[in-house]
Amino acid sequence: MSLLVQPRLVNVPSGDPGLYLDFQFGQRAMLFDLGDSAPLSPRELIRVSHAFISHAHMDHIAGFERLLRLRLHRPRPLVLLGPPGFVDLMQSRLGGYSWNLLDQTSVDFRLTAQAFDGAQIVEVAEFAARERFTRRDLAVPDLPRGGVCSEAEFEISAAALDHGIPSLAFAFRQRQRFNVWRSALDTLGLPVGPWIDEAKQALRDELPDDHMIAVPGMEPVPLGFLRAQVFETGPGQYFAYVSDAADTSANRARIIGLARGADQLYIEAPFLHADKAIAEATCHLTARAAGEIARIAGVRRVTPFHYSARYGDDVAELAKEVNAAFIDN
């Protein structure tokens, strides 16, 4: 069964944090964190519709200027979300440039900044190129508690962790996966087209079998027939991303709640347990803690990253410590 999204770390585990979410059939992408984006091509960055920022330390947001520069003269909107104060931060960053060459004839590029307080989005503002990125406050979206993005096929939720400052962790959950048997389409003489998305939405909405789906060039087809003959149903993708959090009981509980039963957990593991004092002083996890959290959360796979530069290229022990705690009985 094909995947809706292919997630991958932007940098090597010892580089800046960041996860690139590549939508295989949507001509779009998303980011969890936006540090050094050099490994991403301009084409990959142009596809980004949303960037969810854990916090505003430089290694998590330094790639913003490159992304903005690539998107400035293209009409596709861009949404960025971060912790409390993030909207003001984006206003300040945009205010650091001279926009005198922009006017009403410019490309209609719009950047929306959102702030999430750990429970809900509490502040939203839009910055339009045609208005020289003057701030315009918008209404906050109506989302369930913890939600930061909701679309037909998936939802993204967040939790606020303590890193000395608030640091957000994120989880991507596909609602349900409906794959099309291409061989069945060919056998039944059904064309490829937008009707397939309409049928998938009807399946998500649990409409009755006698609900009719309009197919171009054919008589309407009952949803029940398509359910049985054309679509394969399976559980949706579920993965979580955790970067920069102190090893506290409250943080552990929030991470476990966010990632419980996930297919994959991307989690920071900057320091060895032997260097726990450094981890505590900098409000980070140890590799052992990362593995323990993954095990208790019951995730299927764990991918550590954000290794501290103090270990140079000698990071094998960090991965080993994570895996040992993850598989410990």
Protein backbone atom coordinates (compact mmCIF):
# COMPACT_ATOMS: atom_id res chain seq x y z
CA MET A 1 0.00 0.00 0.00
CA SER A 2 1.55 3.30 -1.09
CA LEU A 3 2.23 6.05 1.43
CA LEU A 4 0.62 9.47 1.45
CA VAL A 5 3.78 11.08 2.85
CA GLN A 6 7.46 10.18 2.78
CA PRO A 7 9.10 11.79 5.86
CA ARG A 8 12.88 12.19 5.97
CA LEU A 9 15.39 14.12 8.06
CA VAL A 10 16.67 17.18 6.23
CA ASN A 11 20.21 16.86 7.60
CA VAL A 12 22.44 14.14 8.98
CA PRO A 13 21.63 13.35 12.65
CA SER A 14 24.42 15.64 13.85
CA GLY A 15 23.15 18.55 11.72
CA ASP A 16 20.34 21.04 12.24
CA PRO A 17 16.98 19.50 13.16
CA GLY A 18 14.31 19.26 10.51
CA LEU A 19 11.92 16.76 8.97
CA TYR A 20 10.75 17.07 5.35
CA LEU A 21 7.29 15.67 4.65
CA ASP A 22 7.07 14.81 0.96
CA PHE A 23 3.50 14.29 -0.26
CA GLN A 24 3.91 11.74 -3.01
CA PHE A 25 0.79 12.62 -4.99
CA GLY A 26 0.05 16.18 -3.95
CA GLN A 27 2.79 18.34 -5.46
CA ARG A 28 3.39 19.70 -1.99
CA ALA A 29 5.55 19.27 1.08
CA MET A 30 5.68 20.34 4.71
CA LEU A 31 8.45 20.88 7.24
CA PHE A 32 8.84 20.21 10.92
CA ASP A 33 11.53 22.79 11.83
CA LEU A 34 13.46 24.96 9.42
CA GLY A 35 17.16 25.04 10.24
CA ASP A 36 19.90 24.56 7.65
CA SER A 37 18.00 23.82 4.43
CA ALA A 38 21.03 23.41 2.15
CA PRO A 39 20.30 19.70 1.49
CA LEU A 40 16.88 20.66 0.08
CA SER A 41 16.74 21.76 -3.53
CA PRO A 42 14.88 24.92 -4.57
CA ARG A 43 12.28 22.68 -6.20
CA GLU A 44 11.70 20.88 -2.90
CA LEU A 45 11.37 24.11 -0.93
CA ILE A 46 9.00 25.67 -3.46
CA ARG A 47 6.60 22.80 -2.77
CA VAL A 48 6.41 23.59 0.97
CA SER A 49 2.93 24.72 2.04
CA HIS A 50 3.47 24.65 5.83
CA ALA A 51 6.43 24.84 8.20
CA PHE A 52 5.84 23.93 11.85
CA ILE A 53 8.59 25.41 14.03
CA SER A 54 9.34 23.92 17.43
CA HIS A 55 10.95 27.13 18.75
CA ALA A 56 12.99 30.05 17.54
CA HIS A 57 16.55 28.97 18.35
CA MET A 58 18.67 29.61 15.28
CA ASP A 59 19.24 25.96 14.38
CA HIS A 60 15.47 25.50 14.09
CA ILE A 61 14.54 28.54 11.98
CA ALA A 62 17.68 29.83 10.24
CA GLY A 63 16.42 28.52 6.89
CA PHE A 64 13.45 30.87 6.85
CA GLU A 65 15.14 33.52 4.70
CA ARG A 66 16.02 31.04 1.98
CA LEU A 67 12.48 29.71 1.94
CA LEU A 68 11.03 33.24 1.81
CA ARG A 69 13.34 34.28 -1.01
CA LEU A 70 12.30 31.28 -3.11
CA ARG A 71 8.62 31.82 -2.47
CA LEU A 72 8.46 35.62 -2.69
CA HIS A 73 7.53 35.85 -6.37
CA ARG A 74 5.29 32.80 -6.48
CA PRO A 75 1.58 32.94 -5.61
CA ARG A 76 1.31 29.76 -3.52
CA PRO A 77 0.63 30.81 0.10
CA LEU A 78 2.87 29.74 2.96
CA VAL A 79 1.85 28.99 6.54
CA LEU A 80 4.30 28.99 9.46
CA LEU A 81 3.41 27.99 13.00
CA GLY A 82 5.40 28.24 16.21
CA PRO A 83 5.09 28.69 19.99
CA PRO A 84 3.66 31.73 21.80
CA GLY A 85 5.15 34.98 20.51
CA PHE A 86 5.81 33.48 17.07
CA VAL A 87 3.60 35.94 15.20
CA ASP A 88 5.47 38.90 16.67
CA LEU A 89 8.75 37.19 15.83
CA MET A 90 7.74 36.80 12.17
CA GLN A 91 6.61 40.41 12.03
CA SER A 92 10.03 41.47 13.29
CA ARG A 93 11.87 39.32 10.77
CA LEU A 94 9.82 40.59 7.86
CA GLY A 95 10.26 44.13 9.16
CA GLY A 96 14.03 43.78 8.88
CA TYR A 97 13.94 44.17 5.09
CA SER A 98 13.06 47.03 2.75
CA TRP A 99 10.02 46.15 0.62
CA ASN A 100 9.76 49.37 -1.42
CA LEU A 101 9.83 47.40 -4.70
CA LEU A 102 6.59 45.60 -3.80
CA ASP A 103 3.18 47.05 -4.65
CA GLN A 104 -0.27 46.05 -5.90
CA THR A 105 1.23 44.77 -9.17
CA SER A 106 3.47 42.27 -7.33
CA VAL A 107 2.77 38.56 -7.24
CA ASP A 108 0.07 37.88 -4.65
CA PHE A 109 2.23 35.92 -2.20
CA ARG A 110 0.83 35.65 1.32
CA LEU A 111 2.53 34.37 4.46
CA THR A 112 0.39 33.38 7.42
CA ALA A 113 1.99 33.14 10.87
CA GLN A 114 0.31 31.26 13.72
CA ALA A 115 1.13 30.86 17.42
CA PHE A 116 0.20 27.70 19.37
CA ASP A 117 0.12 27.75 23.17
CA GLY A 118 0.12 24.02 23.87
CA ALA A 119 -3.64 23.64 23.64
CA GLN A 120 -4.75 25.69 20.65
CA ILE A 121 -3.75 28.25 18.08
CA VAL A 122 -4.15 31.57 19.88
CA GLU A 123 -2.91 34.13 17.34
CA VAL A 124 -2.91 34.38 13.54
CA ALA A 125 -1.70 37.12 11.23
CA GLU A 126 -1.27 37.42 7.48
CA PHE A 127 1.57 39.25 5.74
CA ALA A 128 0.93 39.98 2.04
CA ALA A 129 3.60 40.91 -0.49
CA ARG A 130 1.26 43.37 -2.20
CA GLU A 131 0.91 45.13 1.16
CA ARG A 132 4.69 45.11 1.75
CA PHE A 133 4.17 42.53 4.47
CA THR A 134 2.15 44.79 6.72
CA ARG A 135 0.62 42.73 9.49
CA ARG A 136 -3.09 41.95 9.29
CA ASP A 137 -4.56 39.95 12.19
CA LEU A 138 -6.95 37.10 11.34
CA ALA A 139 -9.39 34.95 13.28
CA VAL A 140 -7.96 31.79 14.81
CA PRO A 141 -9.08 28.49 13.21
CA ASP A 142 -11.57 26.26 14.99
CA LEU A 143 -9.59 23.08 15.62
CA PRO A 144 -9.80 20.36 18.27
CA ARG A 145 -7.59 20.75 21.34
CA GLY A 146 -3.98 20.14 20.32
CA GLY A 147 -4.72 20.51 16.61
CA VAL A 148 -2.58 22.73 14.38
CA CYS A 149 -3.65 21.54 10.90
CA SER A 150 -6.65 19.57 9.66
CA GLU A 151 -7.30 18.48 6.08
CA ALA A 152 -9.43 15.81 4.45
CA GLU A 153 -6.73 13.14 4.49
CA PHE A 154 -4.75 13.96 7.63
CA GLU A 155 -4.37 16.00 10.77
CA ILE A 156 -1.35 17.41 12.58
CA SER A 157 -1.32 17.89 16.34
CA ALA A 158 1.20 19.46 18.68
CA ALA A 159 2.29 19.49 22.30
CA ALA A 160 4.25 22.14 24.16
CA LEU A 161 7.38 20.90 25.93
CA ASP A 162 9.73 22.59 28.40
CA HIS A 163 13.11 23.52 26.92
CA GLY A 164 13.69 26.46 29.24
CA ILE A 165 11.31 28.10 26.76
CA PRO A 166 8.28 26.46 25.14
CA SER A 167 9.27 24.00 22.41
CA LEU A 168 6.64 22.30 20.27
CA ALA A 169 6.55 18.64 19.28
CA PHE A 170 4.39 17.48 16.37
CA ALA A 171 2.54 14.39 15.20
CA PHE A 172 1.20 13.61 11.72
CA ARG A 173 -1.75 11.23 11.52
CA GLN A 174 -3.42 10.12 8.31
CA ARG A 175 -7.14 9.62 8.95
CA GLN A 176 -7.44 6.40 6.95
CA ARG A 177 -5.66 5.11 3.92
CA PHE A 178 -7.58 4.34 0.73
CA ASN A 179 -5.50 2.99 -2.13
CA VAL A 180 -6.78 2.37 -5.62
CA TRP A 181 -6.22 -0.96 -7.34
CA ARG A 182 -5.03 0.33 -10.71
CA SER A 183 -5.53 -3.10 -12.27
CA ALA A 184 -9.17 -2.99 -11.13
CA LEU A 185 -9.66 0.38 -12.83
CA ASP A 186 -8.33 -1.08 -16.06
CA THR A 187 -10.43 -4.23 -15.79
CA LEU A 188 -13.63 -2.29 -15.07
CA GLY A 189 -12.89 0.40 -17.64
CA LEU A 190 -12.89 3.18 -15.04
CA PRO A 191 -10.83 6.29 -15.86
CA VAL A 192 -8.34 8.01 -13.58
CA GLY A 193 -9.61 11.40 -12.48
CA PRO A 194 -10.94 13.69 -9.73
CA TRP A 195 -13.86 11.33 -9.10
CA ILE A 196 -11.43 9.08 -7.22
CA ASP A 197 -10.82 11.80 -4.61
CA GLU A 198 -14.58 12.29 -4.31
CA ALA A 199 -15.02 8.56 -3.74
CA LYS A 200 -12.26 8.56 -1.10
CA GLN A 201 -13.98 11.42 0.73
CA ALA A 202 -17.27 9.52 0.62
CA LEU A 203 -15.50 6.53 2.14
CA ARG A 204 -14.00 8.71 4.88
CA ASP A 205 -17.44 10.14 5.59
CA GLU A 206 -18.79 6.58 5.86
CA LEU A 207 -21.57 7.24 3.36
CA PRO A 208 -23.86 4.27 2.58
CA ASP A 209 -23.11 1.71 -0.10
CA ASP A 210 -25.95 3.01 -2.29
CA HIS A 211 -24.39 6.49 -2.47
CA MET A 212 -23.67 7.14 -6.14
CA ILE A 213 -20.33 8.43 -7.41
CA ALA A 214 -20.32 10.35 -10.69
CA VAL A 215 -17.70 8.99 -13.11
CA PRO A 216 -17.10 10.96 -16.34
CA GLY A 217 -18.37 9.19 -19.43
CA MET A 218 -20.21 6.51 -17.45
CA GLU A 219 -23.33 5.91 -15.43
CA PRO A 220 -22.91 6.75 -11.70
CA VAL A 221 -21.30 3.93 -9.73
CA PRO A 222 -22.47 2.80 -6.27
CA LEU A 223 -19.96 3.51 -3.50
CA GLY A 224 -20.36 -0.04 -2.18
CA PHE A 225 -19.21 -1.47 -5.49
CA LEU A 226 -16.15 0.78 -5.52
CA ARG A 227 -15.42 -0.09 -1.88
CA ALA A 228 -15.37 -3.79 -2.73
CA GLN A 229 -13.77 -3.76 -6.16
CA VAL A 230 -11.53 -0.69 -6.46
CA PHE A 231 -10.29 0.51 -3.08
CA GLU A 232 -8.00 -1.10 -0.53
CA THR A 233 -8.50 0.23 2.99
CA GLY A 234 -5.82 0.30 5.67
CA PRO A 235 -4.66 2.25 8.72
CA GLY A 236 -3.21 5.66 8.01
CA GLN A 237 0.36 6.80 8.60
CA TYR A 238 1.27 8.06 12.03
CA PHE A 239 4.61 9.56 13.01
CA ALA A 240 5.85 12.07 15.57
CA TYR A 241 8.70 14.58 15.76
CA VAL A 242 10.29 15.69 19.05
CA SER A 243 13.20 18.10 19.27
CA ASP A 244 14.65 20.05 22.21
CA ALA A 245 13.01 19.04 25.49
CA ALA A 246 14.20 18.63 29.05
CA ASP A 247 13.94 15.17 30.58
CA THR A 248 11.10 15.89 32.99
CA SER A 249 8.12 13.74 33.94
CA ALA A 250 5.76 16.30 32.41
CA ASN A 251 7.65 16.32 29.12
CA ARG A 252 7.78 12.53 29.02
CA ALA A 253 4.03 12.32 29.57
CA ARG A 254 3.31 14.81 26.80
CA ILE A 255 5.66 13.13 24.32
CA ILE A 256 4.23 9.68 25.08
CA GLY A 257 0.70 11.01 24.69
CA LEU A 258 1.57 12.57 21.34
CA ALA A 259 3.43 9.56 19.95
CA ARG A 260 1.69 6.56 21.52
CA GLY A 261 1.52 3.71 19.02
CA ALA A 262 3.11 5.72 16.21
CA ASP A 263 4.70 3.98 13.24
CA GLN A 264 7.83 6.07 13.77
CA LEU A 265 9.17 8.54 16.32
CA TYR A 266 11.83 11.04 15.30
CA ILE A 267 13.34 12.18 18.59
CA GLU A 268 16.34 14.18 19.67
CA ALA A 269 19.19 12.36 21.40
CA PRO A 270 21.90 15.00 21.84
CA PHE A 271 23.88 13.57 24.78
CA LEU A 272 25.01 10.24 26.16
CA HIS A 273 23.67 9.27 29.56
CA ALA A 274 27.20 9.72 30.90
CA ASP A 275 26.79 13.41 30.04
CA LYS A 276 23.40 13.70 31.73
CA ALA A 277 24.52 16.78 33.68
CA ILE A 278 25.08 18.65 30.41
CA ALA A 279 21.71 17.51 29.10
CA GLU A 280 20.01 18.76 32.26
CA ALA A 281 21.83 22.09 32.16
CA THR A 282 20.76 22.66 28.53
CA CYS A 283 17.23 21.23 28.89
CA HIS A 284 17.78 18.37 26.45
CA LEU A 285 17.14 14.63 26.45
CA THR A 286 19.85 12.00 26.70
CA ALA A 287 20.01 9.16 24.21
CA ARG A 288 18.87 6.75 26.91
CA ALA A 289 15.89 8.92 27.74
CA ALA A 290 14.94 9.11 24.06
CA GLY A 291 14.98 5.31 23.79
CA GLU A 292 12.99 4.89 27.00
CA ILE A 293 10.33 7.31 25.82
CA ALA A 294 10.04 5.53 22.47
CA ARG A 295 9.68 2.15 24.21
CA ILE A 296 7.03 3.34 26.67
CA ALA A 297 5.13 5.06 23.86
CA GLY A 298 5.02 1.74 22.01
CA VAL A 299 6.23 3.14 18.69
CA ARG A 300 7.25 0.72 15.97
CA ARG A 301 10.48 2.49 15.02
CA VAL A 302 12.62 5.20 16.56
CA THR A 303 14.93 7.53 14.63
CA PRO A 304 17.29 9.62 16.79
CA PHE A 305 18.74 12.93 15.60
CA HIS A 306 20.09 16.29 16.81
CA TYR A 307 23.32 14.76 18.14
CA SER A 308 25.53 17.22 19.98
CA ALA A 309 28.58 18.55 18.14
CA ARG A 310 30.71 17.64 21.18
CA TYR A 311 30.91 14.07 19.85
CA GLY A 312 32.10 15.06 16.38
CA ASP A 313 31.69 12.18 13.93
CA ASP A 314 31.82 9.61 16.71
CA VAL A 315 28.06 9.25 17.15
CA ALA A 316 27.69 5.48 17.03
CA GLU A 317 27.41 5.30 20.82
CA LEU A 318 24.47 7.72 20.80
CA ALA A 319 22.48 5.54 18.39
CA LYS A 320 23.51 2.43 20.31
CA GLU A 321 22.30 3.92 23.59
CA VAL A 322 18.93 4.88 22.07
CA ASN A 323 18.41 1.40 20.62
CA ALA A 324 19.46 -0.35 23.82
CA ALA A 325 16.86 1.57 25.83
CA PHE A 326 14.24 1.12 23.10
CA ILE A 327 14.45 -2.68 23.02
CA ASP A 328 15.09 -3.13 26.77
CA ASN A 329 12.57 -5.47 28.33
